[in-house]
Amino acid sequence: MSNENRMPGAVMGVSGRMGRMLVEVIDESDAVELTSVSERAGHDWIGQDLGVVLGGGARGLMVLDDPLEVIKDARAVIDFTSPAATLAHSVIAAQARAIHVIGTTGFEAADLAKLEAAGRHATVIRAGNMSLGVNLLLGLTRRVAAALGTDWDIEIVEAHHKHKVDAPSGTALMLGEAAAEGRAVDLTDVADRGRDSITGARVPGAIGFHAIRGGDVVGEHDVIFSSEGERIVLRHLATDRKIFARGAVQAALWGRDQAPGNYDMADVLGLA
């Protein structure tokens, strides 16, 4: 595909794990062109050539700290940063009518309301996990939870690298929501997080969460359904961070044909 037909894309937070991976995946793409990148104000990369700071040759693409400059000419904005930064980016992306692909996790309810508002003006695609496998796991979790009664206990166990700052992971919470939807209950009413000391017997119908942090684990998620005498374990293991970057780029391309609104990976993959 010629450069004129490639979709201009911006990567926010380019120095992070996902930022660097997105650069690799976009560079491999014949449908998206990396046209701008950002980092937070004061970062060592600001004002430097992206190719040089990544250890290669100059590519004529400077790292900027002004989100407006980064977003204004982009058709798609891919964002794996922090909740506060993503919210600020969402306002600019909405004004620019850019597709905003959000892989950031750790949002509060009030943050999500602001992202919903941005979706009235632009295409917003948000997912705690952008891999195909995880989104299939969400569907399976919903169906199994719907098929089994509350005499089956549900526990969600997730493991990630030691640098991850939020817990439970966004994917674990998505799995909890899927299980709750399957049971036609509100997750906030049944979630059981952070057990410690003498907690008493397990509450019937609760959905438990457990977070493991260590080493360089990319991402592991188990949904365990336990009853008397048997267990069902649904599992997804991620071994290559590129699956998330590829999913984000796929979401950006899908967003070109969509009206303003709020979407997720189930929509992108036709699983909604």
Protein backbone atom coordinates (compact mmCIF):
# COMPACT_ATOMS: atom_id res chain seq x y z
CA MET A 1 0.00 0.00 0.00
CA SER A 2 1.39 3.42 -0.92
CA ASN A 3 2.21 5.96 1.75
CA GLU A 4 -0.72 8.11 0.59
CA ASN A 5 -3.16 5.31 1.43
CA ARG A 6 -1.65 4.32 4.76
CA MET A 7 -3.51 5.59 7.80
CA PRO A 8 -1.49 8.13 9.82
CA GLY A 9 -1.13 6.92 13.38
CA ALA A 10 0.17 8.35 16.64
CA VAL A 11 1.61 6.38 19.56
CA MET A 12 1.29 7.93 23.00
CA GLY A 13 3.86 7.02 25.66
CA VAL A 14 6.31 5.69 23.11
CA SER A 15 9.13 4.84 25.55
CA GLY A 16 7.06 2.29 27.49
CA ARG A 17 6.93 -1.46 26.88
CA MET A 18 3.80 -1.23 24.76
CA GLY A 19 4.90 1.99 23.09
CA ARG A 20 8.07 0.39 21.74
CA MET A 21 6.16 -2.71 20.68
CA LEU A 22 3.60 -0.59 18.84
CA VAL A 23 6.40 1.11 16.90
CA GLU A 24 7.64 -2.32 15.78
CA VAL A 25 4.21 -3.53 14.75
CA ILE A 26 3.29 -0.33 12.90
CA ASP A 27 6.64 -0.38 11.09
CA GLU A 28 5.74 -3.90 9.89
CA SER A 29 2.29 -2.78 8.71
CA ASP A 30 1.46 -1.82 5.16
CA ALA A 31 -1.80 -0.17 6.27
CA VAL A 32 -0.65 2.23 9.02
CA GLU A 33 2.12 4.83 8.99
CA LEU A 34 3.67 6.11 12.21
CA THR A 35 3.51 9.89 11.89
CA SER A 36 3.87 11.16 15.48
CA VAL A 37 4.85 9.95 18.96
CA SER A 38 4.64 11.39 22.46
CA GLU A 39 6.17 11.13 25.90
CA ARG A 40 5.44 12.91 29.15
CA ALA A 41 6.95 16.34 29.76
CA GLY A 42 10.47 16.15 31.16
CA HIS A 43 11.24 12.70 29.73
CA ASP A 44 14.79 12.20 28.40
CA TRP A 45 13.47 11.34 24.94
CA ILE A 46 11.70 14.66 24.39
CA GLY A 47 13.10 16.53 21.38
CA GLN A 48 15.13 13.54 20.18
CA ASP A 49 14.75 11.49 17.03
CA LEU A 50 12.73 8.33 17.67
CA GLY A 51 15.07 6.13 15.64
CA VAL A 52 18.09 7.29 17.57
CA VAL A 53 16.60 6.80 21.05
CA LEU A 54 15.46 3.32 20.01
CA GLY A 55 19.07 2.48 19.15
CA GLY A 56 18.92 2.77 15.37
CA GLY A 57 19.39 5.37 12.69
CA ALA A 58 17.59 8.70 12.49
CA ARG A 59 14.12 8.51 10.95
CA GLY A 60 13.10 12.17 11.06
CA LEU A 61 10.39 11.60 13.65
CA MET A 62 10.83 13.59 16.84
CA VAL A 63 9.45 12.63 20.26
CA LEU A 64 7.12 15.40 21.45
CA ASP A 65 5.56 16.27 24.80
CA ASP A 66 2.60 18.25 23.46
CA PRO A 67 -0.36 15.87 22.92
CA LEU A 68 -2.11 18.42 20.71
CA GLU A 69 0.82 18.48 18.27
CA VAL A 70 1.00 14.68 18.30
CA ILE A 71 -2.72 14.07 17.75
CA LYS A 72 -3.80 16.90 15.44
CA ASP A 73 -2.79 15.24 12.16
CA ALA A 74 -3.29 11.60 13.19
CA ARG A 75 -6.21 9.50 11.97
CA ALA A 76 -5.70 7.02 14.79
CA VAL A 77 -4.24 7.50 18.28
CA ILE A 78 -3.03 4.39 20.10
CA ASP A 79 -2.76 4.91 23.83
CA PHE A 80 -1.26 2.60 26.48
CA THR A 81 -0.32 5.27 29.05
CA SER A 82 -1.97 6.15 32.40
CA PRO A 83 -5.59 6.95 33.26
CA ALA A 84 -4.91 10.67 33.75
CA ALA A 85 -2.93 10.97 30.52
CA THR A 86 -5.46 8.96 28.52
CA LEU A 87 -8.32 11.16 29.73
CA ALA A 88 -6.43 14.26 28.59
CA HIS A 89 -5.69 12.62 25.24
CA SER A 90 -9.35 11.63 24.82
CA VAL A 91 -10.46 15.27 24.84
CA ILE A 92 -8.00 16.18 22.08
CA ALA A 93 -8.74 13.04 20.04
CA ALA A 94 -12.47 13.78 20.24
CA GLN A 95 -11.90 17.34 19.03
CA ALA A 96 -9.74 16.02 16.18
CA ARG A 97 -12.33 13.29 15.38
CA ALA A 98 -9.48 10.78 15.58
CA ILE A 99 -9.94 7.10 16.34
CA HIS A 100 -8.77 6.64 19.94
CA VAL A 101 -7.61 3.09 20.70
CA ILE A 102 -7.18 2.73 24.46
CA GLY A 103 -5.28 -0.11 26.11
CA THR A 104 -4.74 1.82 29.35
CA THR A 105 -6.14 0.14 32.48
CA GLY A 106 -6.86 1.25 36.05
CA PHE A 107 -9.73 3.64 35.32
CA GLU A 108 -12.23 4.66 38.00
CA ALA A 109 -15.97 4.86 37.28
CA ALA A 110 -15.79 8.65 36.87
CA ASP A 111 -12.97 8.24 34.32
CA LEU A 112 -15.04 5.82 32.26
CA ALA A 113 -17.91 8.29 32.19
CA LYS A 114 -15.59 10.87 30.63
CA LEU A 115 -14.45 8.37 27.99
CA GLU A 116 -18.09 7.60 27.23
CA ALA A 117 -18.63 11.31 26.64
CA ALA A 118 -15.68 11.44 24.23
CA GLY A 119 -17.36 8.66 22.24
CA ARG A 120 -20.15 11.04 21.29
CA HIS A 121 -17.71 12.86 19.03
CA ALA A 122 -15.14 10.26 17.97
CA THR A 123 -14.60 6.53 17.64
CA VAL A 124 -13.29 5.24 20.98
CA ILE A 125 -12.15 1.62 21.19
CA ARG A 126 -11.19 0.58 24.70
CA ALA A 127 -10.21 -2.84 26.00
CA GLY A 128 -8.30 -4.03 29.03
CA ASN A 129 -6.82 -6.66 26.74
CA MET A 130 -6.66 -6.55 22.96
CA SER A 131 -5.70 -10.14 22.16
CA LEU A 132 -8.01 -12.44 20.19
CA GLY A 133 -7.52 -15.27 22.68
CA VAL A 134 -8.52 -13.22 25.70
CA ASN A 135 -11.65 -11.96 24.00
CA LEU A 136 -12.64 -15.52 23.16
CA LEU A 137 -12.00 -16.39 26.83
CA LEU A 138 -14.41 -13.62 27.84
CA GLY A 139 -17.15 -15.19 25.76
CA LEU A 140 -16.48 -18.65 27.19
CA THR A 141 -16.49 -17.29 30.74
CA ARG A 142 -19.86 -15.62 30.19
CA ARG A 143 -21.39 -18.81 28.78
CA VAL A 144 -20.00 -21.14 31.45
CA ALA A 145 -21.12 -18.81 34.25
CA ALA A 146 -24.60 -18.70 32.76
CA ALA A 147 -24.76 -22.49 32.50
CA LEU A 148 -23.62 -23.24 36.07
CA GLY A 149 -25.43 -22.35 39.28
CA THR A 150 -24.09 -20.41 42.25
CA ASP A 151 -23.08 -23.70 43.86
CA TRP A 152 -20.08 -23.35 41.54
CA ASP A 153 -17.57 -20.92 43.03
CA ILE A 154 -15.74 -18.56 40.64
CA GLU A 155 -12.16 -17.43 41.23
CA ILE A 156 -10.08 -15.34 38.82
CA VAL A 157 -6.30 -15.58 39.16
CA GLU A 158 -3.98 -13.34 37.14
CA ALA A 159 -0.20 -13.00 36.93
CA HIS A 160 1.84 -10.14 35.43
CA HIS A 161 5.36 -8.73 35.46
CA LYS A 162 6.67 -6.96 38.57
CA HIS A 163 6.39 -3.49 37.01
CA LYS A 164 2.59 -3.56 36.59
CA VAL A 165 1.07 -0.89 38.82
CA ASP A 166 -2.64 -1.84 38.96
CA ALA A 167 -4.35 -4.89 40.43
CA PRO A 168 -6.45 -6.76 39.60
CA SER A 169 -5.49 -6.40 35.97
CA GLY A 170 -7.89 -4.83 33.51
CA THR A 171 -8.29 -8.24 31.89
CA ALA A 172 -9.14 -9.89 35.22
CA LEU A 173 -11.83 -7.29 35.80
CA MET A 174 -13.18 -7.90 32.29
CA LEU A 175 -13.37 -11.61 33.08
CA GLY A 176 -15.14 -10.82 36.33
CA GLU A 177 -17.64 -8.67 34.47
CA ALA A 178 -18.21 -11.48 31.96
CA ALA A 179 -18.84 -13.98 34.75
CA ALA A 180 -21.21 -11.55 36.48
CA GLU A 181 -23.08 -10.92 33.22
CA GLY A 182 -23.46 -14.68 32.78
CA ARG A 183 -25.07 -14.84 36.22
CA ALA A 184 -27.12 -11.67 35.63
CA VAL A 185 -25.61 -9.91 38.66
CA ASP A 186 -23.62 -6.72 39.21
CA LEU A 187 -19.91 -7.40 39.75
CA THR A 188 -19.66 -4.64 42.35
CA ASP A 189 -22.13 -6.59 44.50
CA VAL A 190 -20.31 -9.94 44.33
CA ALA A 191 -16.59 -9.15 43.91
CA ASP A 192 -14.30 -10.52 46.65
CA ARG A 193 -10.84 -8.92 46.57
CA GLY A 194 -7.88 -8.93 48.92
CA ARG A 195 -8.60 -11.71 51.38
CA ASP A 196 -6.38 -11.67 54.46
CA SER A 197 -6.41 -13.03 58.01
CA ILE A 198 -9.53 -14.79 59.32
CA THR A 199 -12.08 -13.99 56.64
CA GLY A 200 -14.75 -16.56 57.43
CA ALA A 201 -16.24 -18.99 54.95
CA ARG A 202 -16.49 -18.07 51.29
CA VAL A 203 -19.65 -16.12 50.49
CA PRO A 204 -21.92 -18.07 48.10
CA GLY A 205 -22.08 -16.40 44.68
CA ALA A 206 -18.92 -14.34 45.20
CA ILE A 207 -16.43 -13.83 42.36
CA GLY A 208 -12.92 -13.85 43.81
CA PHE A 209 -9.84 -12.09 42.46
CA HIS A 210 -6.16 -12.84 43.07
CA ALA A 211 -3.15 -10.99 41.63
CA ILE A 212 0.39 -12.34 41.25
CA ARG A 213 3.29 -10.02 40.37
CA GLY A 214 6.82 -11.11 39.50
CA GLY A 215 9.60 -11.25 36.95
CA ASP A 216 8.74 -10.62 33.33
CA VAL A 217 5.39 -12.42 33.08
CA VAL A 218 3.54 -10.98 30.06
CA GLY A 219 0.09 -12.03 31.22
CA GLU A 220 -1.65 -15.14 32.53
CA HIS A 221 -5.35 -15.43 33.42
CA ASP A 222 -7.28 -18.36 34.90
CA VAL A 223 -11.02 -18.47 35.49
CA ILE A 224 -11.70 -21.31 37.92
CA PHE A 225 -15.18 -22.76 38.44
CA SER A 226 -15.18 -25.05 41.48
CA SER A 227 -17.89 -27.33 42.83
CA GLU A 228 -18.03 -30.43 45.00
CA GLY A 229 -15.80 -33.01 43.37
CA GLU A 230 -14.88 -31.16 40.18
CA ARG A 231 -13.35 -27.99 38.71
CA ILE A 232 -13.36 -26.28 35.34
CA VAL A 233 -10.35 -24.07 34.53
CA LEU A 234 -10.38 -21.68 31.57
CA ARG A 235 -6.89 -20.33 30.90
CA HIS A 236 -5.12 -17.86 28.63
CA LEU A 237 -1.34 -17.45 28.57
CA ALA A 238 0.33 -14.57 26.73
CA THR A 239 3.99 -15.11 25.89
CA ASP A 240 4.58 -12.27 23.40
CA ARG A 241 3.53 -8.68 24.03
CA LYS A 242 3.14 -8.20 20.31
CA ILE A 243 -0.30 -9.83 20.45
CA PHE A 244 -1.59 -6.72 22.26
CA ALA A 245 0.08 -4.32 19.82
CA ARG A 246 -1.26 -6.23 16.81
CA GLY A 247 -4.73 -6.16 18.31
CA ALA A 248 -4.50 -2.41 18.89
CA VAL A 249 -3.45 -1.79 15.28
CA GLN A 250 -6.24 -4.08 14.06
CA ALA A 251 -8.69 -2.06 16.19
CA ALA A 252 -7.45 1.22 14.69
CA LEU A 253 -7.95 -0.07 11.16
CA TRP A 254 -11.43 -1.38 12.01
CA GLY A 255 -12.32 2.01 13.46
CA ARG A 256 -11.96 3.75 10.09
CA ASP A 257 -15.39 2.54 9.01
CA GLN A 258 -17.21 3.17 12.29
CA ALA A 259 -19.42 6.01 13.43
CA PRO A 260 -18.52 7.89 16.63
CA GLY A 261 -19.21 5.73 19.66
CA ASN A 262 -17.70 3.53 22.33
CA TYR A 263 -16.51 0.09 21.23
CA ASP A 264 -14.39 -2.77 22.51
CA MET A 265 -12.50 -5.71 21.03
CA ALA A 266 -15.61 -7.85 20.91
CA ASP A 267 -16.94 -5.34 18.38
CA VAL A 268 -13.67 -5.31 16.44
CA LEU A 269 -13.58 -9.11 16.24
CA GLY A 270 -17.29 -9.51 15.50
CA LEU A 271 -17.91 -11.29 18.80
CA ALA A 272 -20.35 -8.76 20.31
